Protein backbone atom coordinates (compact mmCIF):
# COMPACT_ATOMS: atom_id res chain seq x y z
CA MET A 1 12.68 3.71 10.97
CA MET A 2 16.00 4.48 12.58
CA GLU A 3 18.42 1.89 13.93
CA TYR A 4 20.93 2.16 16.76
CA LYS A 5 22.63 -0.68 18.66
CA GLY A 6 20.12 -3.12 17.18
CA TYR A 7 17.10 -1.13 18.37
CA LEU A 8 14.62 0.35 15.89
CA GLY A 9 12.80 3.62 16.36
CA GLY A 10 9.56 4.48 14.61
CA VAL A 11 8.85 8.16 14.02
CA GLU A 12 5.73 10.26 13.46
CA PHE A 13 5.29 13.96 12.88
CA ASP A 14 2.87 16.06 14.93
CA ASP A 15 2.00 18.90 12.56
CA GLU A 16 0.09 20.82 15.21
CA ALA A 17 3.01 20.81 17.66
CA GLY A 18 5.63 21.00 14.88
CA ILE A 19 7.66 18.16 16.35
CA PHE A 20 8.80 14.66 15.45
CA HIS A 21 8.23 12.03 18.11
CA GLY A 22 9.02 8.36 18.22
CA GLU A 23 9.22 5.20 20.23
CA VAL A 24 11.68 2.32 20.29
CA ALA A 25 9.91 -0.60 18.61
CA ASN A 26 9.22 -4.04 20.04
CA LEU A 27 10.02 -3.44 23.70
CA ARG A 28 7.72 -4.04 26.66
CA ASP A 29 9.39 -1.04 28.30
CA THR A 30 8.38 2.33 26.87
CA VAL A 31 11.31 4.25 25.41
CA THR A 32 10.40 7.48 23.60
CA PHE A 33 12.21 10.39 21.98
CA GLN A 34 11.44 13.62 20.16
CA GLY A 35 13.03 16.42 18.17
CA ARG A 36 12.24 19.33 15.86
CA ALA A 37 14.80 18.44 13.17
CA VAL A 38 16.20 15.18 11.81
CA ASP A 39 19.61 15.55 13.49
CA GLU A 40 17.97 16.42 16.82
CA LEU A 41 15.58 13.49 16.48
CA ARG A 42 18.37 11.04 15.63
CA GLN A 43 20.42 12.22 18.63
CA ALA A 44 17.40 11.97 20.93
CA PHE A 45 16.78 8.40 19.72
CA GLN A 46 20.38 7.39 20.39
CA ASP A 47 20.34 9.12 23.79
CA SER A 48 17.10 7.32 24.71
CA VAL A 49 18.56 3.91 23.79
CA ASP A 50 21.74 4.68 25.76
CA ASP A 51 19.65 5.87 28.74
CA TYR A 52 17.59 2.67 28.59
CA LEU A 53 20.72 0.51 28.55
CA GLU A 54 22.24 2.49 31.46
CA TRP A 55 18.96 2.26 33.41
CA CYS A 56 18.98 -1.52 32.97
CA ALA A 57 22.63 -1.77 34.05
CA ARG A 58 22.01 0.30 37.22
CA ARG A 59 19.19 -2.04 38.20
CA GLY A 60 21.00 -5.23 37.24
CA LYS A 61 18.27 -5.89 34.68
CA GLU A 62 19.06 -7.57 31.37
CA PRO A 63 18.05 -5.13 28.58
CA GLU A 64 15.25 -6.40 26.46
CA LYS A 65 16.37 -7.40 22.99
CA PRO A 66 14.03 -5.96 20.37
CA TYR A 67 14.26 -9.05 18.17
CA SER A 68 14.98 -12.45 19.67
CA GLY A 69 15.12 -14.31 16.37
CA LYS A 70 11.94 -16.21 17.24
CA PHE A 71 8.41 -15.58 16.05
CA VAL A 72 5.28 -17.63 15.54
CA VAL A 73 3.67 -17.87 12.14
CA ARG A 74 0.24 -19.41 11.77
CA VAL A 75 -0.47 -20.98 8.39
CA ASP A 76 -3.07 -23.27 6.91
CA PRO A 77 -2.36 -26.90 7.92
CA GLU A 78 -1.98 -27.91 4.25
CA LEU A 79 0.66 -25.23 3.73
CA HIS A 80 2.41 -26.43 6.90
CA ARG A 81 2.49 -29.97 5.48
CA SER A 82 3.83 -28.73 2.13
CA ILE A 83 6.55 -26.64 3.78
CA SER A 84 7.59 -29.55 5.99
CA ALA A 85 7.80 -31.83 2.94
CA ALA A 86 9.88 -29.26 1.05
CA ALA A 87 12.24 -28.93 4.02
CA ARG A 88 12.67 -32.73 4.25
CA LYS A 89 13.30 -32.91 0.50
CA ALA A 90 15.99 -30.22 0.86
CA GLU A 91 17.42 -32.16 3.85
CA LYS A 92 16.96 -29.17 6.14
CA SER A 93 15.09 -28.53 9.35
CA LEU A 94 11.82 -26.68 9.02
CA ASN A 95 13.38 -23.65 10.75
CA ALA A 96 16.41 -23.63 8.44
CA TRP A 97 14.26 -24.01 5.33
CA VAL A 98 11.86 -21.21 6.33
CA ALA A 99 14.71 -18.89 7.40
CA GLU A 100 16.46 -19.45 4.07
CA HIS A 101 13.31 -18.63 2.09
CA LEU A 102 12.49 -15.58 4.20
CA ASP A 103 16.05 -14.35 3.69
CA GLU A 104 15.71 -14.84 -0.07
CA ALA A 105 12.35 -13.01 -0.10
CA VAL A 106 13.73 -10.03 1.79
CA GLY A 107 16.80 -9.92 -0.42
CA GLU A 108 14.67 -9.93 -3.56
CA ARG A 109 12.46 -7.16 -2.18
CA GLU A 110 15.49 -5.01 -1.32
CA ARG A 111 16.86 -5.45 -4.85
CA GLN A 112 13.64 -4.15 -6.40
């Protein structure tokens, strides 16, 4: 994955065509890019994000944010009850408690 201005680009390699191609992740709009070498691919990704932002500005459209900070997680009702109880015990909202634990989990994974 590549990152630019908060947007993430996923990349695949087409061996038959001998080219890298990618798409900006988590947008309803389709924003793609391609290149034959890493530097060319990275530049194409950045150019595509910039083009998308300029396209939105010309149309007076608010650019879609790839990550809003909200997502739905479905869990077993018993786990939901346990998490809610743990959050109350820690004197935190459910959102704050879950965000803290997700942050800790990601941090531990990155340290491994």
